[in-house]
Amino acid sequence: MKENVRQYILILEDDEDLAEGICLSLQSPELTFVRCRTIAQARQLLKDRKYDLLILDINLPDGSGLEFCQEIRKSSQVPIALLTAKDMELDIVSGLENGADDYITKPFSLMVLRARIRALLRRNVPEQKNEYRKGCFHFLFDRMEFYKNGQSIDLSKTERRILHLLVFHEGQIITRERLMEWVWPDGAEYVEDNALSVGIRRLRDKLEDTPSKPGYIRTVYGKGYVWEMKE
């Protein structure tokens, strides 16, 4: 079985205390942070692996984060957030014109930082898949048609979103936190945790052969849920 889907964030910031504070405030089992202090180091790190988000300071020891952002945009559409001083409105405008997706002004609220970063990570998703066909199931998400053994199944919007994330990450453990943020992208923090449990239970009632002994939507205790198809 595959492990959780991990997302990698590169932080280019020469203030080590600030970079460490960002890492601590965003700490999550699904996030891996890579820190560097110079543009030269960042260039090398970007060659070594693919990242899901870049957080770039504007003023760096060996150049401008704005120019580096423009350089990155020539070959990549990875989400980019710029760190800028509160009174540098010109930097913000220039950053957005050079391809940044968002900016975070210093000093920043940790709550605001988390919300901005999560929103950017949600944007960085692969091209949307719409059809899943395997075994007894045939799901057409774009047409909102769902079948088991040729029989039509009605799913709510919440159930459809839960199912989409699970089936297109088959065999991978999806944490409750990631499911919550995917299903309710504009305010997962305001949704009761029980709402996800209810959605999972209803999906099992509709899809499982024996809902009390689920074989497709399995609970991985202490970690999350995983979609598995029987051979």
C-alpha atoms as a PDB file:
ATOM      1  CA  MET A   1       0.000   0.000   0.000  1.00  0.00           C
ATOM      2  CA  LYS A   2       1.248   3.499  -0.806  1.00  0.00           C
ATOM      3  CA  GLU A   3       1.873   6.051   1.892  1.00  0.00           C
ATOM      4  CA  ASN A   4       0.089   9.382   2.271  1.00  0.00           C
ATOM      5  CA  VAL A   5       0.305  11.781  -0.645  1.00  0.00           C
ATOM      6  CA  ARG A   6       3.054  14.205   0.377  1.00  0.00           C
ATOM      7  CA  GLN A   7       3.367  17.781  -0.769  1.00  0.00           C
ATOM      8  CA  TYR A   8       6.726  19.548  -0.910  1.00  0.00           C
ATOM      9  CA  ILE A   9       7.172  23.235  -0.123  1.00  0.00           C
ATOM     10  CA  LEU A  10      10.357  25.151  -0.870  1.00  0.00           C
ATOM     11  CA  ILE A  11      10.995  28.173   1.374  1.00  0.00           C
ATOM     12  CA  LEU A  12      13.560  30.661   0.096  1.00  0.00           C
ATOM     13  CA  GLU A  13      14.187  32.999   3.033  1.00  0.00           C
ATOM     14  CA  ASP A  14      17.506  34.217   4.448  1.00  0.00           C
ATOM     15  CA  ASP A  15      15.995  34.916   7.875  1.00  0.00           C
ATOM     16  CA  GLU A  16      16.368  31.466   9.411  1.00  0.00           C
ATOM     17  CA  ASP A  17      14.132  32.205  12.410  1.00  0.00           C
ATOM     18  CA  LEU A  18      11.319  33.349  10.118  1.00  0.00           C
ATOM     19  CA  ALA A  19      11.720  30.302   7.851  1.00  0.00           C
ATOM     20  CA  GLU A  20      11.617  27.995  10.863  1.00  0.00           C
ATOM     21  CA  GLY A  21       8.507  29.788  12.164  1.00  0.00           C
ATOM     22  CA  ILE A  22       6.737  29.220   8.855  1.00  0.00           C
ATOM     23  CA  CYS A  23       7.602  25.517   8.934  1.00  0.00           C
ATOM     24  CA  LEU A  24       6.349  25.138  12.504  1.00  0.00           C
ATOM     25  CA  SER A  25       3.083  26.979  11.829  1.00  0.00           C
ATOM     26  CA  LEU A  26       2.309  24.840   8.779  1.00  0.00           C
ATOM     27  CA  GLN A  27       3.468  21.531  10.252  1.00  0.00           C
ATOM     28  CA  SER A  28       1.436  18.596   8.931  1.00  0.00           C
ATOM     29  CA  PRO A  29       2.052  14.884   8.244  1.00  0.00           C
ATOM     30  CA  GLU A  30       1.444  15.552   4.554  1.00  0.00           C
ATOM     31  CA  LEU A  31       3.847  18.488   4.160  1.00  0.00           C
ATOM     32  CA  THR A  32       7.615  18.365   3.737  1.00  0.00           C
ATOM     33  CA  PHE A  33       9.549  21.636   3.927  1.00  0.00           C
ATOM     34  CA  VAL A  34      12.853  22.339   2.227  1.00  0.00           C
ATOM     35  CA  ARG A  35      14.576  25.562   3.290  1.00  0.00           C
ATOM     36  CA  CYS A  36      17.299  27.567   1.584  1.00  0.00           C
ATOM     37  CA  ARG A  37      18.838  31.028   1.962  1.00  0.00           C
ATOM     38  CA  THR A  38      19.962  31.993  -1.554  1.00  0.00           C
ATOM     39  CA  ILE A  39      18.668  31.941  -5.103  1.00  0.00           C
ATOM     40  CA  ALA A  40      21.630  29.801  -6.136  1.00  0.00           C
ATOM     41  CA  GLN A  41      20.649  27.140  -3.604  1.00  0.00           C
ATOM     42  CA  ALA A  42      17.006  27.328  -4.699  1.00  0.00           C
ATOM     43  CA  ARG A  43      17.935  26.825  -8.363  1.00  0.00           C
ATOM     44  CA  GLN A  44      19.779  23.625  -7.481  1.00  0.00           C
ATOM     45  CA  LEU A  45      16.933  22.344  -5.300  1.00  0.00           C
ATOM     46  CA  LEU A  46      14.432  22.972  -8.095  1.00  0.00           C
ATOM     47  CA  LYS A  47      16.548  20.779 -10.378  1.00  0.00           C
ATOM     48  CA  ASP A  48      16.557  17.959  -7.833  1.00  0.00           C
ATOM     49  CA  ARG A  49      12.806  17.553  -7.376  1.00  0.00           C
ATOM     50  CA  LYS A  50       9.328  18.848  -8.176  1.00  0.00           C
ATOM     51  CA  TYR A  51       7.677  21.122  -5.597  1.00  0.00           C
ATOM     52  CA  ASP A  52       4.001  21.816  -4.903  1.00  0.00           C
ATOM     53  CA  LEU A  53       4.554  25.363  -3.648  1.00  0.00           C
ATOM     54  CA  LEU A  54       7.357  27.939  -3.493  1.00  0.00           C
ATOM     55  CA  ILE A  55       7.534  30.641  -0.817  1.00  0.00           C
ATOM     56  CA  LEU A  56      10.028  33.312  -1.860  1.00  0.00           C
ATOM     57  CA  ASP A  57      11.355  36.294   0.030  1.00  0.00           C
ATOM     58  CA  ILE A  58      11.844  39.356  -2.174  1.00  0.00           C
ATOM     59  CA  ASN A  59      15.126  40.672  -0.782  1.00  0.00           C
ATOM     60  CA  LEU A  60      17.817  37.983  -0.832  1.00  0.00           C
ATOM     61  CA  PRO A  61      21.609  37.968  -0.404  1.00  0.00           C
ATOM     62  CA  ASP A  62      22.288  37.106  -4.053  1.00  0.00           C
ATOM     63  CA  GLY A  63      19.456  38.835  -5.892  1.00  0.00           C
ATOM     64  CA  SER A  64      15.778  39.650  -6.180  1.00  0.00           C
ATOM     65  CA  GLY A  65      12.988  37.219  -5.416  1.00  0.00           C
ATOM     66  CA  LEU A  66      10.878  39.096  -7.967  1.00  0.00           C
ATOM     67  CA  GLU A  67      13.343  38.380 -10.770  1.00  0.00           C
ATOM     68  CA  PHE A  68      13.687  34.778  -9.609  1.00  0.00           C
ATOM     69  CA  CYS A  69       9.906  34.423  -9.719  1.00  0.00           C
ATOM     70  CA  GLN A  70       9.908  35.679 -13.308  1.00  0.00           C
ATOM     71  CA  GLU A  71      12.699  33.230 -14.151  1.00  0.00           C
ATOM     72  CA  ILE A  72      10.741  30.289 -12.713  1.00  0.00           C
ATOM     73  CA  ARG A  73       7.616  31.249 -14.640  1.00  0.00           C
ATOM     74  CA  LYS A  74       9.417  30.710 -17.955  1.00  0.00           C
ATOM     75  CA  SER A  75       9.370  26.957 -17.371  1.00  0.00           C
ATOM     76  CA  SER A  76       6.941  26.177 -14.528  1.00  0.00           C
ATOM     77  CA  GLN A  77       3.449  26.997 -13.280  1.00  0.00           C
ATOM     78  CA  VAL A  78       4.125  25.884  -9.691  1.00  0.00           C
ATOM     79  CA  PRO A  79       2.203  28.094  -7.210  1.00  0.00           C
ATOM     80  CA  ILE A  80       4.394  30.893  -5.831  1.00  0.00           C
ATOM     81  CA  ALA A  81       3.815  33.047  -2.745  1.00  0.00           C
ATOM     82  CA  LEU A  82       6.017  36.066  -2.099  1.00  0.00           C
ATOM     83  CA  LEU A  83       7.069  37.323   1.329  1.00  0.00           C
ATOM     84  CA  THR A  84       7.138  41.106   1.398  1.00  0.00           C
ATOM     85  CA  ALA A  85       7.283  43.980   3.898  1.00  0.00           C
ATOM     86  CA  LYS A  86       3.935  45.536   4.794  1.00  0.00           C
ATOM     87  CA  ASP A  87       4.713  48.922   3.273  1.00  0.00           C
ATOM     88  CA  MET A  88       6.113  47.635  -0.036  1.00  0.00           C
ATOM     89  CA  GLU A  89       3.004  47.958  -2.193  1.00  0.00           C
ATOM     90  CA  LEU A  90       5.137  48.350  -5.334  1.00  0.00           C
ATOM     91  CA  ASP A  91       6.776  44.971  -4.628  1.00  0.00           C
ATOM     92  CA  ILE A  92       3.362  43.333  -4.372  1.00  0.00           C
ATOM     93  CA  VAL A  93       2.221  44.728  -7.732  1.00  0.00           C
ATOM     94  CA  SER A  94       5.515  43.789  -9.390  1.00  0.00           C
ATOM     95  CA  GLY A  95       5.358  40.302  -7.910  1.00  0.00           C
ATOM     96  CA  LEU A  96       1.887  39.604  -9.244  1.00  0.00           C
ATOM     97  CA  GLU A  97       2.878  40.988 -12.645  1.00  0.00           C
ATOM     98  CA  ASN A  98       5.930  38.688 -12.663  1.00  0.00           C
ATOM     99  CA  GLY A  99       3.814  35.595 -12.136  1.00  0.00           C
ATOM    100  CA  ALA A 100       3.362  35.219  -8.372  1.00  0.00           C
ATOM    101  CA  ASP A 101       0.046  33.715  -7.282  1.00  0.00           C
ATOM    102  CA  ASP A 102      -0.166  35.447  -3.920  1.00  0.00           C
ATOM    103  CA  TYR A 103       1.809  37.505  -1.440  1.00  0.00           C
ATOM    104  CA  ILE A 104       2.185  37.427   2.340  1.00  0.00           C
ATOM    105  CA  THR A 105       3.112  40.613   4.161  1.00  0.00           C
ATOM    106  CA  LYS A 106       5.482  40.578   7.130  1.00  0.00           C
ATOM    107  CA  PRO A 107       4.727  40.447   9.994  1.00  0.00           C
ATOM    108  CA  PHE A 108       1.886  38.029   9.291  1.00  0.00           C
ATOM    109  CA  SER A 109      -0.807  36.262  11.265  1.00  0.00           C
ATOM    110  CA  LEU A 110      -0.207  32.504  11.444  1.00  0.00           C
ATOM    111  CA  MET A 111      -3.914  31.914  10.803  1.00  0.00           C
ATOM    112  CA  VAL A 112      -3.768  34.029   7.649  1.00  0.00           C
ATOM    113  CA  LEU A 113      -0.555  32.312   6.571  1.00  0.00           C
ATOM    114  CA  ARG A 114      -2.101  28.846   6.928  1.00  0.00           C
ATOM    115  CA  ALA A 115      -5.229  29.857   5.007  1.00  0.00           C
ATOM    116  CA  ARG A 116      -3.224  31.395   2.143  1.00  0.00           C
ATOM    117  CA  ILE A 117      -0.841  28.434   1.848  1.00  0.00           C
ATOM    118  CA  ARG A 118      -3.631  25.845   1.930  1.00  0.00           C
ATOM    119  CA  ALA A 119      -5.485  27.743  -0.790  1.00  0.00           C
ATOM    120  CA  LEU A 120      -2.370  27.752  -2.995  1.00  0.00           C
ATOM    121  CA  LEU A 121      -1.749  24.044  -2.433  1.00  0.00           C
ATOM    122  CA  ARG A 122      -5.329  23.266  -3.448  1.00  0.00           C
ATOM    123  CA  ARG A 123      -4.715  25.021  -6.767  1.00  0.00           C
ATOM    124  CA  ASN A 124      -1.789  22.769  -7.568  1.00  0.00           C
ATOM    125  CA  VAL A 125      -3.788  19.691  -8.522  1.00  0.00           C
ATOM    126  CA  PRO A 126      -3.328  17.535 -11.626  1.00  0.00           C
ATOM    127  CA  GLU A 127      -5.666  17.889 -14.571  1.00  0.00           C
ATOM    128  CA  GLN A 128      -9.088  16.921 -13.329  1.00  0.00           C
ATOM    129  CA  LYS A 129     -10.058  13.339 -14.026  1.00  0.00           C
ATOM    130  CA  ASN A 130     -13.707  12.679 -14.615  1.00  0.00           C
ATOM    131  CA  GLU A 131     -14.168   8.975 -15.328  1.00  0.00           C
ATOM    132  CA  TYR A 132     -13.347   5.973 -13.175  1.00  0.00           C
ATOM    133  CA  ARG A 133     -14.142   2.473 -14.400  1.00  0.00           C
ATOM    134  CA  LYS A 134     -12.967  -0.567 -12.516  1.00  0.00           C
ATOM    135  CA  GLY A 135     -14.549  -3.818 -11.399  1.00  0.00           C
ATOM    136  CA  CYS A 136     -18.236  -3.319 -10.667  1.00  0.00           C
ATOM    137  CA  PHE A 137     -17.961   0.477 -10.607  1.00  0.00           C
ATOM    138  CA  HIS A 138     -18.337   3.115 -13.302  1.00  0.00           C
ATOM    139  CA  PHE A 139     -18.219   6.745 -12.135  1.00  0.00           C
ATOM    140  CA  LEU A 140     -18.749   9.691 -14.506  1.00  0.00           C
ATOM    141  CA  PHE A 141     -18.087  12.730 -12.348  1.00  0.00           C
ATOM    142  CA  ASP A 142     -18.590  15.342 -15.068  1.00  0.00           C
ATOM    143  CA  ARG A 143     -22.065  13.948 -15.800  1.00  0.00           C
ATOM    144  CA  MET A 144     -22.775  13.138 -12.138  1.00  0.00           C
ATOM    145  CA  GLU A 145     -23.595   9.538 -13.036  1.00  0.00           C
ATOM    146  CA  PHE A 146     -22.489   6.721 -10.764  1.00  0.00           C
ATOM    147  CA  TYR A 147     -23.046   3.008 -11.304  1.00  0.00           C
ATOM    148  CA  LYS A 148     -22.426  -0.215  -9.422  1.00  0.00           C
ATOM    149  CA  ASN A 149     -23.066  -3.393 -11.395  1.00  0.00           C
ATOM    150  CA  GLY A 150     -24.883  -1.226 -13.927  1.00  0.00           C
ATOM    151  CA  GLN A 151     -27.301   0.131 -11.321  1.00  0.00           C
ATOM    152  CA  SER A 152     -27.493   3.909 -10.947  1.00  0.00           C
ATOM    153  CA  ILE A 153     -26.544   5.419  -7.559  1.00  0.00           C
ATOM    154  CA  ASP A 154     -27.502   8.924  -6.407  1.00  0.00           C
ATOM    155  CA  LEU A 155     -24.740  10.803  -4.588  1.00  0.00           C
ATOM    156  CA  SER A 156     -24.821  14.160  -2.830  1.00  0.00           C
ATOM    157  CA  LYS A 157     -22.255  16.862  -3.620  1.00  0.00           C
ATOM    158  CA  THR A 158     -20.319  16.001  -0.449  1.00  0.00           C
ATOM    159  CA  GLU A 159     -20.341  12.287  -1.275  1.00  0.00           C
ATOM    160  CA  ARG A 160     -19.171  12.983  -4.842  1.00  0.00           C
ATOM    161  CA  ARG A 161     -16.215  15.065  -3.660  1.00  0.00           C
ATOM    162  CA  ILE A 162     -15.143  12.482  -1.074  1.00  0.00           C
ATOM    163  CA  LEU A 163     -15.388   9.720  -3.674  1.00  0.00           C
ATOM    164  CA  HIS A 164     -13.447  11.714  -6.287  1.00  0.00           C
ATOM    165  CA  LEU A 165     -10.430  12.246  -4.036  1.00  0.00           C
ATOM    166  CA  LEU A 166     -10.405   8.629  -2.900  1.00  0.00           C
ATOM    167  CA  VAL A 167     -10.807   6.818  -6.230  1.00  0.00           C
ATOM    168  CA  PHE A 168      -8.261   8.935  -8.104  1.00  0.00           C
ATOM    169  CA  HIS A 169      -5.718   8.223  -5.360  1.00  0.00           C
ATOM    170  CA  GLU A 170      -6.476   4.528  -5.240  1.00  0.00           C
ATOM    171  CA  GLY A 171      -4.321   2.632  -2.756  1.00  0.00           C
ATOM    172  CA  GLN A 172      -3.127   5.842  -1.086  1.00  0.00           C
ATOM    173  CA  ILE A 173      -4.044   6.835   2.457  1.00  0.00           C
ATOM    174  CA  ILE A 174      -5.917  10.150   2.455  1.00  0.00           C
ATOM    175  CA  THR A 175      -5.990  11.870   5.840  1.00  0.00           C
ATOM    176  CA  ARG A 176      -9.163  13.304   7.324  1.00  0.00           C
ATOM    177  CA  GLU A 177      -7.569  16.761   7.204  1.00  0.00           C
ATOM    178  CA  ARG A 178      -6.942  16.551   3.472  1.00  0.00           C
ATOM    179  CA  LEU A 179     -10.448  15.226   2.820  1.00  0.00           C
ATOM    180  CA  MET A 180     -11.961  18.062   4.853  1.00  0.00           C
ATOM    181  CA  GLU A 181     -10.006  20.695   2.928  1.00  0.00           C
ATOM    182  CA  TRP A 182     -10.899  19.075  -0.419  1.00  0.00           C
ATOM    183  CA  VAL A 183     -14.616  18.669   0.308  1.00  0.00           C
ATOM    184  CA  TRP A 184     -15.046  22.094   1.914  1.00  0.00           C
ATOM    185  CA  PRO A 185     -12.273  24.216   0.299  1.00  0.00           C
ATOM    186  CA  ASP A 186     -13.654  27.565   1.412  1.00  0.00           C
ATOM    187  CA  GLY A 187     -13.992  26.854   5.093  1.00  0.00           C
ATOM    188  CA  ALA A 188     -13.042  23.397   6.331  1.00  0.00           C
ATOM    189  CA  GLU A 189     -12.171  24.897   9.717  1.00  0.00           C
ATOM    190  CA  TYR A 190     -15.827  25.866  10.196  1.00  0.00           C
ATOM    191  CA  VAL A 191     -17.227  22.420   9.335  1.00  0.00           C
ATOM    192  CA  GLU A 192     -17.866  19.937  12.117  1.00  0.00           C
ATOM    193  CA  ASP A 193     -15.498  16.982  11.991  1.00  0.00           C
ATOM    194  CA  ASN A 194     -18.509  14.668  12.225  1.00  0.00           C
ATOM    195  CA  ALA A 195     -19.684  15.877   8.798  1.00  0.00           C
ATOM    196  CA  LEU A 196     -16.913  13.894   7.118  1.00  0.00           C
ATOM    197  CA  SER A 197     -17.750  10.754   9.101  1.00  0.00           C
ATOM    198  CA  VAL A 198     -21.381  11.085   8.009  1.00  0.00           C
ATOM    199  CA  GLY A 199     -20.337  11.459   4.363  1.00  0.00           C
ATOM    200  CA  ILE A 200     -18.096   8.384   4.548  1.00  0.00           C
ATOM    201  CA  ARG A 201     -20.861   6.338   6.208  1.00  0.00           C
ATOM    202  CA  ARG A 202     -23.410   7.301   3.549  1.00  0.00           C
ATOM    203  CA  LEU A 203     -20.975   6.458   0.764  1.00  0.00           C
ATOM    204  CA  ARG A 204     -20.393   3.054   2.276  1.00  0.00           C
ATOM    205  CA  ASP A 205     -24.148   2.480   2.547  1.00  0.00           C
ATOM    206  CA  LYS A 206     -24.437   3.105  -1.196  1.00  0.00           C
ATOM    207  CA  LEU A 207     -21.253   1.454  -2.502  1.00  0.00           C
ATOM    208  CA  GLU A 208     -20.214  -1.361  -0.194  1.00  0.00           C
ATOM    209  CA  ASP A 209     -21.443  -4.947  -0.468  1.00  0.00           C
ATOM    210  CA  THR A 210     -21.619  -5.034   3.340  1.00  0.00           C
ATOM    211  CA  PRO A 211     -21.464  -1.476   4.746  1.00  0.00           C
ATOM    212  CA  SER A 212     -20.640  -2.705   8.259  1.00  0.00           C
ATOM    213  CA  LYS A 213     -17.569  -4.484   6.842  1.00  0.00           C
ATOM    214  CA  PRO A 214     -16.299  -2.054   4.204  1.00  0.00           C
ATOM    215  CA  GLY A 215     -13.962  -3.444   1.565  1.00  0.00           C
ATOM    216  CA  TYR A 216     -13.659  -0.483  -0.807  1.00  0.00           C
ATOM    217  CA  ILE A 217     -13.503   2.534   1.531  1.00  0.00           C
ATOM    218  CA  ARG A 218     -11.255   1.259   4.291  1.00  0.00           C
ATOM    219  CA  THR A 219     -10.417   3.082   7.490  1.00  0.00           C
ATOM    220  CA  VAL A 220      -6.711   3.139   8.304  1.00  0.00           C
ATOM    221  CA  TYR A 221      -6.887   3.839  12.017  1.00  0.00           C
ATOM    222  CA  GLY A 222      -4.947   6.878  13.133  1.00  0.00           C
ATOM    223  CA  LYS A 223      -4.223   7.878   9.515  1.00  0.00           C
ATOM    224  CA  GLY A 224      -7.314   8.266   7.344  1.00  0.00           C
ATOM    225  CA  TYR A 225      -9.090   6.407   4.562  1.00  0.00           C
ATOM    226  CA  VAL A 226      -8.042   4.471   1.483  1.00  0.00           C
ATOM    227  CA  TRP A 227      -9.938   3.286  -1.612  1.00  0.00           C
ATOM    228  CA  GLU A 228      -9.049  -0.276  -2.528  1.00  0.00           C
ATOM    229  CA  MET A 229     -10.451  -2.486  -5.247  1.00  0.00           C
ATOM    230  CA  LYS A 230     -10.522  -6.219  -4.628  1.00  0.00           C
ATOM    231  CA  GLU A 231      -8.696  -8.343  -7.168  1.00  0.00           C
END
